[in-house]
PDB file of N, CA and C in Angstrom:
ATOM      1  N   MET A   1     118.216  89.164  94.703  1.00  0.00           N
ATOM      2  CA  MET A   1     118.178  89.126  95.869  1.00  0.00           C
ATOM      3  C   MET A   1     116.454  88.875  96.282  1.00  0.00           C
ATOM      4  N   ASP A   2     117.031  88.062  96.956  1.00  0.00           N
ATOM      5  CA  ASP A   2     115.237  86.843  97.857  1.00  0.00           C
ATOM      6  C   ASP A   2     114.154  88.736  97.762  1.00  0.00           C
ATOM      7  N   ARG A   3     113.189  88.011  97.992  1.00  0.00           N
ATOM      8  CA  ARG A   3     112.101  87.882  98.590  1.00  0.00           C
ATOM      9  C   ARG A   3     111.288  88.803 100.379  1.00  0.00           C
ATOM     10  N   SER A   4     111.414  87.836 100.862  1.00  0.00           N
ATOM     11  CA  SER A   4     111.922  87.375 102.021  1.00  0.00           C
ATOM     12  C   SER A   4     112.840  88.217 102.755  1.00  0.00           C
ATOM     13  N   ALA A   5     114.234  88.638 101.960  1.00  0.00           N
ATOM     14  CA  ALA A   5     114.782  89.104 103.091  1.00  0.00           C
ATOM     15  C   ALA A   5     114.966  90.424 103.011  1.00  0.00           C
ATOM     16  N   ARG A   6     113.632  91.011 102.160  1.00  0.00           N
ATOM     17  CA  ARG A   6     113.894  92.468 101.759  1.00  0.00           C
ATOM     18  C   ARG A   6     113.226  92.971 103.511  1.00  0.00           C
ATOM     19  N   ALA A   7     114.205  93.960 104.065  1.00  0.00           N
ATOM     20  CA  ALA A   7     113.720  94.998 105.456  1.00  0.00           C
ATOM     21  C   ALA A   7     112.441  95.535 105.373  1.00  0.00           C
ATOM     22  N   THR A   8     112.114  95.807 104.296  1.00  0.00           N
ATOM     23  CA  THR A   8     110.784  96.622 104.189  1.00  0.00           C
ATOM     24  C   THR A   8     109.292  96.031 103.370  1.00  0.00           C
ATOM     25  N   ARG A   9     108.217  95.766 104.122  1.00  0.00           N
ATOM     26  CA  ARG A   9     107.594  95.811 102.314  1.00  0.00           C
ATOM     27  C   ARG A   9     106.882  96.771 101.902  1.00  0.00           C
ATOM     28  N   ARG A  10     106.328  96.867 101.200  1.00  0.00           N
ATOM     29  CA  ARG A  10     106.003  97.315 100.106  1.00  0.00           C
ATOM     30  C   ARG A  10     104.017  97.163  99.960  1.00  0.00           C
ATOM     31  N   PRO A  11     103.236  97.912 100.692  1.00  0.00           N
ATOM     32  CA  PRO A  11     102.111  96.907 100.897  1.00  0.00           C
ATOM     33  C   PRO A  11     100.882  97.737 100.170  1.00  0.00           C
ATOM     34  N   LYS A  12     100.076  96.730  99.118  1.00  0.00           N
ATOM     35  CA  LYS A  12      98.931  96.339  98.491  1.00  0.00           C
ATOM     36  C   LYS A  12      98.478  97.294  99.055  1.00  0.00           C
ATOM     37  N   ASP A  13      98.294  97.623  97.222  1.00  0.00           N
ATOM     38  CA  ASP A  13      96.927  98.726  97.595  1.00  0.00           C
ATOM     39  C   ASP A  13      94.956  98.872  98.485  1.00  0.00           C
ATOM     40  N   ASP A  14      94.833  97.427  98.615  1.00  0.00           N
ATOM     41  CA  ASP A  14      94.131  97.763  99.498  1.00  0.00           C
ATOM     42  C   ASP A  14      94.844  97.617 100.864  1.00  0.00           C
ATOM     43  N   GLU A  15      95.241  97.878 101.492  1.00  0.00           N
ATOM     44  CA  GLU A  15      96.213  97.768 102.299  1.00  0.00           C
ATOM     45  C   GLU A  15      95.977  99.547 103.187  1.00  0.00           C
ATOM     46  N   MET A  16      95.901 100.663 101.902  1.00  0.00           N
ATOM     47  CA  MET A  16      96.982 102.017 102.016  1.00  0.00           C
ATOM     48  C   MET A  16      95.050 102.802 102.299  1.00  0.00           C
ATOM     49  N   THR A  17      95.196 103.696 102.993  1.00  0.00           N
ATOM     50  CA  THR A  17      94.176 104.860 102.574  1.00  0.00           C
ATOM     51  C   THR A  17      94.202 105.882 103.736  1.00  0.00           C
ATOM     52  N   ASN A  18      93.333 106.627 103.415  1.00  0.00           N
ATOM     53  CA  ASN A  18      93.920 108.267 103.986  1.00  0.00           C
ATOM     54  C   ASN A  18      93.094 108.210 104.875  1.00  0.00           C
ATOM     55  N   LEU A  19      93.549 108.194 106.274  1.00  0.00           N
ATOM     56  CA  LEU A  19      93.605 109.381 107.663  1.00  0.00           C
ATOM     57  C   LEU A  19      92.037 109.471 108.102  1.00  0.00           C
ATOM     58  N   VAL A  20      91.538 109.856 107.742  1.00  0.00           N
ATOM     59  CA  VAL A  20      89.670 109.955 107.717  1.00  0.00           C
ATOM     60  C   VAL A  20      88.690 108.836 107.316  1.00  0.00           C
ATOM     61  N   GLN A  21      89.111 108.316 106.280  1.00  0.00           N
ATOM     62  CA  GLN A  21      88.729 106.409 106.073  1.00  0.00           C
ATOM     63  C   GLN A  21      88.970 106.074 107.401  1.00  0.00           C
ATOM     64  N   SER A  22      90.282 106.348 108.529  1.00  0.00           N
ATOM     65  CA  SER A  22      90.468 104.522 108.493  1.00  0.00           C
ATOM     66  C   SER A  22      89.998 105.126 109.922  1.00  0.00           C
ATOM     67  N   PRO A  23      89.291 103.969 111.245  1.00  0.00           N
ATOM     68  CA  PRO A  23      89.155 103.913 111.957  1.00  0.00           C
ATOM     69  C   PRO A  23      89.194 104.489 112.935  1.00  0.00           C
ATOM     70  N   LYS A  24      88.167 104.743 113.726  1.00  0.00           N
ATOM     71  CA  LYS A  24      88.664 105.681 115.536  1.00  0.00           C
ATOM     72  C   LYS A  24      89.324 104.820 116.295  1.00  0.00           C
ATOM     73  N   GLY A  25      90.115 105.097 116.995  1.00  0.00           N
ATOM     74  CA  GLY A  25      91.047 104.614 118.068  1.00  0.00           C
ATOM     75  C   GLY A  25      91.826 103.652 117.308  1.00  0.00           C
ATOM     76  N   ALA A  26      92.528 103.829 115.800  1.00  0.00           N
ATOM     77  CA  ALA A  26      93.366 103.073 116.046  1.00  0.00           C
ATOM     78  C   ALA A  26      94.384 102.721 114.867  1.00  0.00           C
ATOM     79  N   THR A  27      95.404 102.262 115.967  1.00  0.00           N
ATOM     80  CA  THR A  27      97.262 102.391 115.128  1.00  0.00           C
ATOM     81  C   THR A  27      97.109 102.022 114.422  1.00  0.00           C
ATOM     82  N   LEU A  28      98.133 103.554 113.285  1.00  0.00           N
ATOM     83  CA  LEU A  28      98.065 102.920 111.758  1.00  0.00           C
ATOM     84  C   LEU A  28      99.768 103.709 111.632  1.00  0.00           C
ATOM     85  N   ARG A  29     100.512 103.650 110.676  1.00  0.00           N
ATOM     86  CA  ARG A  29     101.896 104.051 110.222  1.00  0.00           C
ATOM     87  C   ARG A  29     101.689 104.867 108.978  1.00  0.00           C
ATOM     88  N   ILE A  30     101.990 106.591 109.072  1.00  0.00           N
ATOM     89  CA  ILE A  30     101.509 106.845 107.856  1.00  0.00           C
ATOM     90  C   ILE A  30     102.973 106.142 107.213  1.00  0.00           C
ATOM     91  N   VAL A  31     101.737 105.620 105.989  1.00  0.00           N
ATOM     92  CA  VAL A  31     103.160 104.950 104.743  1.00  0.00           C
ATOM     93  C   VAL A  31     103.323 106.200 103.477  1.00  0.00           C
ATOM     94  N   ASP A  32     102.208 107.477 102.800  1.00  0.00           N
ATOM     95  CA  ASP A  32     102.849 108.658 101.867  1.00  0.00           C
ATOM     96  C   ASP A  32     102.302 110.099 102.163  1.00  0.00           C
ATOM     97  N   ILE A  33     103.109 111.349 102.407  1.00  0.00           N
ATOM     98  CA  ILE A  33     102.095 112.652 102.423  1.00  0.00           C
ATOM     99  C   ILE A  33     101.483 112.614 100.555  1.00  0.00           C
ATOM    100  N   ALA A  34     100.365 112.495 100.206  1.00  0.00           N
ATOM    101  CA  ALA A  34      99.943 112.761  99.256  1.00  0.00           C
ATOM    102  C   ALA A  34     100.283 114.066  98.330  1.00  0.00           C
ATOM    103  N   GLY A  35     100.200 115.026  99.434  1.00  0.00           N
ATOM    104  CA  GLY A  35     100.268 116.793  99.195  1.00  0.00           C
ATOM    105  C   GLY A  35     101.377 116.921  98.495  1.00  0.00           C
ATOM    106  N   GLY A  36     101.156 118.372  98.535  1.00  0.00           N
ATOM    107  CA  GLY A  36     102.748 118.790  97.811  1.00  0.00           C
ATOM    108  C   GLY A  36     103.595 119.690  98.838  1.00  0.00           C
ATOM    109  N   GLU A  37     104.897 119.970  98.842  1.00  0.00           N
ATOM    110  CA  GLU A  37     105.182 120.907  99.596  1.00  0.00           C
ATOM    111  C   GLU A  37     104.812 120.890 101.427  1.00  0.00           C
ATOM    112  N   GLY A  38     104.157 122.133 100.589  1.00  0.00           N
ATOM    113  CA  GLY A  38     103.772 123.651 102.086  1.00  0.00           C
ATOM    114  C   GLY A  38     103.242 121.879 102.719  1.00  0.00           C
ATOM    115  N   VAL A  39     102.179 120.940 102.110  1.00  0.00           N
ATOM    116  CA  VAL A  39     101.434 120.187 103.643  1.00  0.00           C
ATOM    117  C   VAL A  39     103.059 119.364 104.000  1.00  0.00           C
ATOM    118  N   ARG A  40     103.926 118.195 102.470  1.00  0.00           N
ATOM    119  CA  ARG A  40     104.991 117.552 103.927  1.00  0.00           C
ATOM    120  C   ARG A  40     105.548 118.676 104.686  1.00  0.00           C
ATOM    121  N   ARG A  41     105.847 119.940 104.845  1.00  0.00           N
ATOM    122  CA  ARG A  41     105.987 120.866 105.641  1.00  0.00           C
ATOM    123  C   ARG A  41     105.811 120.959 107.026  1.00  0.00           C
ATOM    124  N   ARG A  42     103.829 121.601 106.613  1.00  0.00           N
ATOM    125  CA  ARG A  42     103.844 121.078 108.071  1.00  0.00           C
ATOM    126  C   ARG A  42     103.210 120.783 108.828  1.00  0.00           C
ATOM    127  N   LEU A  43     103.980 119.129 107.764  1.00  0.00           N
ATOM    128  CA  LEU A  43     103.266 117.993 109.167  1.00  0.00           C
ATOM    129  C   LEU A  43     104.440 117.784 109.832  1.00  0.00           C
ATOM    130  N   PHE A  44     105.961 118.070 108.889  1.00  0.00           N
ATOM    131  CA  PHE A  44     107.250 117.972 109.787  1.00  0.00           C
ATOM    132  C   PHE A  44     106.681 118.907 110.858  1.00  0.00           C
ATOM    133  N   ALA A  45     106.595 120.589 110.778  1.00  0.00           N
ATOM    134  CA  ALA A  45     106.402 120.940 111.623  1.00  0.00           C
ATOM    135  C   ALA A  45     105.816 120.399 113.124  1.00  0.00           C
ATOM    136  N   LEU A  46     105.107 120.185 111.801  1.00  0.00           N
ATOM    137  CA  LEU A  46     103.811 119.491 113.354  1.00  0.00           C
ATOM    138  C   LEU A  46     104.072 118.403 114.392  1.00  0.00           C
ATOM    139  N   GLY A  47     105.540 117.829 113.614  1.00  0.00           N
ATOM    140  CA  GLY A  47     106.297 116.535 114.184  1.00  0.00           C
ATOM    141  C   GLY A  47     106.222 115.148 113.578  1.00  0.00           C
ATOM    142  N   PHE A  48     104.949 114.909 112.039  1.00  0.00           N
ATOM    143  CA  PHE A  48     104.680 113.537 112.222  1.00  0.00           C
ATOM    144  C   PHE A  48     105.198 113.510 110.679  1.00  0.00           C
ATOM    145  N   ASN A  49     105.994 112.499 110.327  1.00  0.00           N
ATOM    146  CA  ASN A  49     106.962 112.566 109.283  1.00  0.00           C
ATOM    147  C   ASN A  49     106.138 110.626 109.238  1.00  0.00           C
ATOM    148  N   VAL A  50     106.744 110.799 107.543  1.00  0.00           N
ATOM    149  CA  VAL A  50     106.236 109.168 107.046  1.00  0.00           C
ATOM    150  C   VAL A  50     106.903 107.946 107.166  1.00  0.00           C
ATOM    151  N   GLY A  51     106.283 106.948 107.861  1.00  0.00           N
ATOM    152  CA  GLY A  51     106.932 105.602 109.181  1.00  0.00           C
ATOM    153  C   GLY A  51     106.380 106.145 110.532  1.00  0.00           C
ATOM    154  N   ASP A  52     106.057 106.869 110.828  1.00  0.00           N
ATOM    155  CA  ASP A  52     105.684 107.315 112.597  1.00  0.00           C
ATOM    156  C   ASP A  52     104.247 106.266 112.259  1.00  0.00           C
ATOM    157  N   ASP A  53     103.552 105.757 113.569  1.00  0.00           N
ATOM    158  CA  ASP A  53     102.852 105.097 113.864  1.00  0.00           C
ATOM    159  C   ASP A  53     101.739 106.023 114.668  1.00  0.00           C
ATOM    160  N   ILE A  54     100.801 106.327 114.727  1.00  0.00           N
ATOM    161  CA  ILE A  54      99.403 107.143 115.050  1.00  0.00           C
ATOM    162  C   ILE A  54      98.434 106.573 115.326  1.00  0.00           C
ATOM    163  N   GLU A  55      98.052 107.482 116.286  1.00  0.00           N
ATOM    164  CA  GLU A  55      96.359 107.113 116.446  1.00  0.00           C
ATOM    165  C   GLU A  55      95.063 107.929 116.128  1.00  0.00           C
ATOM    166  N   LEU A  56      94.607 107.537 115.834  1.00  0.00           N
ATOM    167  CA  LEU A  56      93.165 108.544 115.006  1.00  0.00           C
ATOM    168  C   LEU A  56      92.803 108.242 116.095  1.00  0.00           C
ATOM    169  N   GLN A  57      92.717 109.914 117.193  1.00  0.00           N
ATOM    170  CA  GLN A  57      91.950 110.395 117.395  1.00  0.00           C
ATOM    171  C   GLN A  57      90.154 110.770 118.442  1.00  0.00           C
ATOM    172  N   ALA A  58      90.204 111.694 117.499  1.00  0.00           N
ATOM    173  CA  ALA A  58      88.833 112.228 116.921  1.00  0.00           C
ATOM    174  C   ALA A  58      89.213 112.617 115.742  1.00  0.00           C
ATOM    175  N   LEU A  59      87.215 112.438 115.738  1.00  0.00           N
ATOM    176  CA  LEU A  59      86.761 113.776 114.066  1.00  0.00           C
ATOM    177  C   LEU A  59      85.733 114.055 114.428  1.00  0.00           C
ATOM    178  N   GLY A  60      86.268 115.409 113.713  1.00  0.00           N
ATOM    179  CA  GLY A  60      85.713 116.996 113.991  1.00  0.00           C
ATOM    180  C   GLY A  60      84.104 116.404 113.425  1.00  0.00           C
ATOM    181  N   ILE A  61      83.061 116.639 113.641  1.00  0.00           N
ATOM    182  CA  ILE A  61      81.655 117.083 113.243  1.00  0.00           C
ATOM    183  C   ILE A  61      81.399 117.205 112.095  1.00  0.00           C
ATOM    184  N   LEU A  62      80.685 116.822 110.753  1.00  0.00           N
ATOM    185  CA  LEU A  62      79.949 117.157 110.203  1.00  0.00           C
ATOM    186  C   LEU A  62      81.814 116.934 109.363  1.00  0.00           C
ATOM    187  N   ARG A  63      82.276 118.222 108.665  1.00  0.00           N
ATOM    188  CA  ARG A  63      83.962 117.894 107.830  1.00  0.00           C
ATOM    189  C   ARG A  63      84.604 118.914 108.911  1.00  0.00           C
ATOM    190  N   GLY A  64      85.159 119.030 110.520  1.00  0.00           N
ATOM    191  CA  GLY A  64      85.554 119.735 111.139  1.00  0.00           C
ATOM    192  C   GLY A  64      87.109 118.389 111.277  1.00  0.00           C
ATOM    193  N   PRO A  65      87.885 119.204 112.010  1.00  0.00           N
ATOM    194  CA  PRO A  65      89.333 118.896 112.280  1.00  0.00           C
ATOM    195  C   PRO A  65      89.915 117.465 111.799  1.00  0.00           C
ATOM    196  N   VAL A  66      90.302 116.608 112.501  1.00  0.00           N
ATOM    197  CA  VAL A  66      90.710 115.720 112.407  1.00  0.00           C
ATOM    198  C   VAL A  66      91.540 115.414 113.646  1.00  0.00           C
ATOM    199  N   LEU A  67      91.849 114.930 114.757  1.00  0.00           N
ATOM    200  CA  LEU A  67      92.830 115.023 116.615  1.00  0.00           C
ATOM    201  C   LEU A  67      93.395 113.416 116.079  1.00  0.00           C
ATOM    202  N   ILE A  68      94.639 113.757 115.551  1.00  0.00           N
ATOM    203  CA  ILE A  68      95.516 112.804 115.854  1.00  0.00           C
ATOM    204  C   ILE A  68      96.715 112.525 116.484  1.00  0.00           C
ATOM    205  N   ARG A  69      97.702 112.068 116.798  1.00  0.00           N
ATOM    206  CA  ARG A  69      98.272 111.889 118.615  1.00  0.00           C
ATOM    207  C   ARG A  69      99.447 110.355 117.424  1.00  0.00           C
ATOM    208  N   ASN A  70     100.800 111.444 117.866  1.00  0.00           N
ATOM    209  CA  ASN A  70     101.768 110.418 116.887  1.00  0.00           C
ATOM    210  C   ASN A  70     102.616 109.520 118.574  1.00  0.00           C
ATOM    211  N   LEU A  71     103.004 108.687 118.349  1.00  0.00           N
ATOM    212  CA  LEU A  71     102.604 107.356 118.728  1.00  0.00           C
ATOM    213  C   LEU A  71     104.763 107.727 119.191  1.00  0.00           C
ATOM    214  N   ARG A  72     105.220 108.342 118.515  1.00  0.00           N
ATOM    215  CA  ARG A  72     107.118 108.087 118.639  1.00  0.00           C
ATOM    216  C   ARG A  72     106.577 109.095 120.179  1.00  0.00           C
ATOM    217  N   THR A  73     106.262 110.342 119.230  1.00  0.00           N
ATOM    218  CA  THR A  73     106.620 111.209 120.729  1.00  0.00           C
ATOM    219  C   THR A  73     106.003 111.933 121.359  1.00  0.00           C
ATOM    220  N   GLY A  74     104.828 111.096 121.156  1.00  0.00           N
ATOM    221  CA  GLY A  74     103.735 111.757 122.028  1.00  0.00           C
ATOM    222  C   GLY A  74     102.557 112.991 121.550  1.00  0.00           C
ATOM    223  N   VAL A  75     103.071 113.355 120.364  1.00  0.00           N
ATOM    224  CA  VAL A  75     102.679 114.833 119.960  1.00  0.00           C
ATOM    225  C   VAL A  75     101.015 114.818 119.012  1.00  0.00           C
ATOM    226  N   THR A  76     100.137 115.625 119.969  1.00  0.00           N
ATOM    227  CA  THR A  76      99.250 115.018 119.154  1.00  0.00           C
ATOM    228  C   THR A  76      98.579 116.778 119.222  1.00  0.00           C
ATOM    229  N   ALA A  77      98.313 116.785 117.950  1.00  0.00           N
ATOM    230  CA  ALA A  77      97.777 118.282 116.737  1.00  0.00           C
ATOM    231  C   ALA A  77      96.563 118.350 116.459  1.00  0.00           C
ATOM    232  N   ALA A  78      95.725 118.394 115.596  1.00  0.00           N
ATOM    233  CA  ALA A  78      95.091 118.571 115.212  1.00  0.00           C
ATOM    234  C   ALA A  78      95.064 119.354 113.633  1.00  0.00           C
ATOM    235  N   VAL A  79      94.492 118.526 112.661  1.00  0.00           N
ATOM    236  CA  VAL A  79      94.512 119.361 111.338  1.00  0.00           C
ATOM    237  C   VAL A  79      93.059 119.150 110.607  1.00  0.00           C
ATOM    238  N   GLY A  80      93.052 119.552 108.974  1.00  0.00           N
ATOM    239  CA  GLY A  80      92.330 120.193 108.987  1.00  0.00           C
ATOM    240  C   GLY A  80      92.218 118.815 108.068  1.00  0.00           C
ATOM    241  N   ARG A  81      90.872 118.348 107.416  1.00  0.00           N
ATOM    242  CA  ARG A  81      89.985 117.902 106.686  1.00  0.00           C
ATOM    243  C   ARG A  81      91.114 117.408 105.113  1.00  0.00           C
ATOM    244  N   GLY A  82      91.220 118.749 104.973  1.00  0.00           N
ATOM    245  CA  GLY A  82      92.126 118.156 103.654  1.00  0.00           C
ATOM    246  C   GLY A  82      93.849 117.943 103.869  1.00  0.00           C
ATOM    247  N   ILE A  83      93.380 117.967 104.637  1.00  0.00           N
ATOM    248  CA  ILE A  83      95.332 117.752 104.551  1.00  0.00           C
ATOM    249  C   ILE A  83      95.222 115.978 105.214  1.00  0.00           C
ATOM    250  N   ALA A  84      94.052 115.659 105.954  1.00  0.00           N
ATOM    251  CA  ALA A  84      94.129 114.566 106.700  1.00  0.00           C
ATOM    252  C   ALA A  84      93.728 112.772 105.019  1.00  0.00           C
ATOM    253  N   GLN A  85      92.512 113.842 104.939  1.00  0.00           N
ATOM    254  CA  GLN A  85      92.414 113.738 103.670  1.00  0.00           C
ATOM    255  C   GLN A  85      94.552 113.027 102.890  1.00  0.00           C
ATOM    256  N   LYS A  86      95.701 113.377 102.907  1.00  0.00           N
ATOM    257  CA  LYS A  86      96.552 113.508 102.365  1.00  0.00           C
ATOM    258  C   LYS A  86      97.665 112.356 102.820  1.00  0.00           C
ATOM    259  N   ILE A  87      96.913 111.878 104.279  1.00  0.00           N
ATOM    260  CA  ILE A  87      98.098 111.131 104.475  1.00  0.00           C
ATOM    261  C   ILE A  87      97.814 110.133 104.629  1.00  0.00           C
ATOM    262  N   VAL A  88      98.774 108.810 103.988  1.00  0.00           N
ATOM    263  CA  VAL A  88      98.136 107.972 102.959  1.00  0.00           C
ATOM    264  C   VAL A  88      98.682 106.800 104.250  1.00  0.00           C
ATOM    265  N   VAL A  89      97.969 105.919 104.842  1.00  0.00           N
ATOM    266  CA  VAL A  89      98.478 105.227 106.279  1.00  0.00           C
ATOM    267  C   VAL A  89      97.697 103.704 105.560  1.00  0.00           C
ATOM    268  N   GLU A  90      97.975 103.219 107.064  1.00  0.00           N
ATOM    269  CA  GLU A  90      97.926 101.763 106.383  1.00  0.00           C
ATOM    270  C   GLU A  90      97.917 101.206 108.324  1.00  0.00           C
ATOM    271  N   ALA A  91      97.230 100.121 108.774  1.00  0.00           N
ATOM    272  CA  ALA A  91      97.529  99.386 109.494  1.00  0.00           C
ATOM    273  C   ALA A  91      98.552  99.102 110.956  1.00  0.00           C
ATOM    274  N   ALA A  92      99.292  99.691 112.027  1.00  0.00           N
ATOM    275  CA  ALA A  92     100.226  99.165 111.853  1.00  0.00           C
ATOM    276  C   ALA A  92     100.539  97.384 113.314  1.00  0.00           C
ATOM    277  N   ASP A  93     101.583  97.818 112.151  1.00  0.00           N
ATOM    278  CA  ASP A  93     102.362  96.082 112.550  1.00  0.00           C
ATOM    279  C   ASP A  93     102.184  96.157 114.400  1.00  0.00           C
ATOM    280  N   GLU A  94     101.716  95.015 114.965  1.00  0.00           N
ATOM    281  CA  GLU A  94     102.405  94.675 116.374  1.00  0.00           C
ATOM    282  C   GLU A  94     103.748  94.221 117.153  1.00  0.00           C
ATOM    283  N   ARG A  95     104.361  94.388 116.247  1.00  0.00           N
ATOM    284  CA  ARG A  95     105.569  94.350 116.817  1.00  0.00           C
ATOM    285  C   ARG A  95     106.350  95.392 116.841  1.00  0.00           C
ATOM    286  N   PRO A  96     107.808  94.928 117.661  1.00  0.00           N
ATOM    287  CA  PRO A  96     107.705  96.359 118.629  1.00  0.00           C
ATOM    288  C   PRO A  96     109.303  97.262 117.034  1.00  0.00           C
TER     289      PRO A  96
END
């Protein structure tokens, strides 16, 4: 199979970062959730899944919560910084 024919492209490690290290207001795509089953269930219950485009809206001062918005569903939620550090993201393409 030709590499250019693949539908999905796995990003390089230098293109991925966790949510806390991302710039505020940037459109991001969830690549992975590096936590256990509890973290995955919590994010799923809040409406956040791998592959969703999100926006980092606010970072709490010092070590407070992180406010994120799911651009697909319109859901906005505050998650703790520990959970936010486990959400691996990349810059979202501007393609539809």
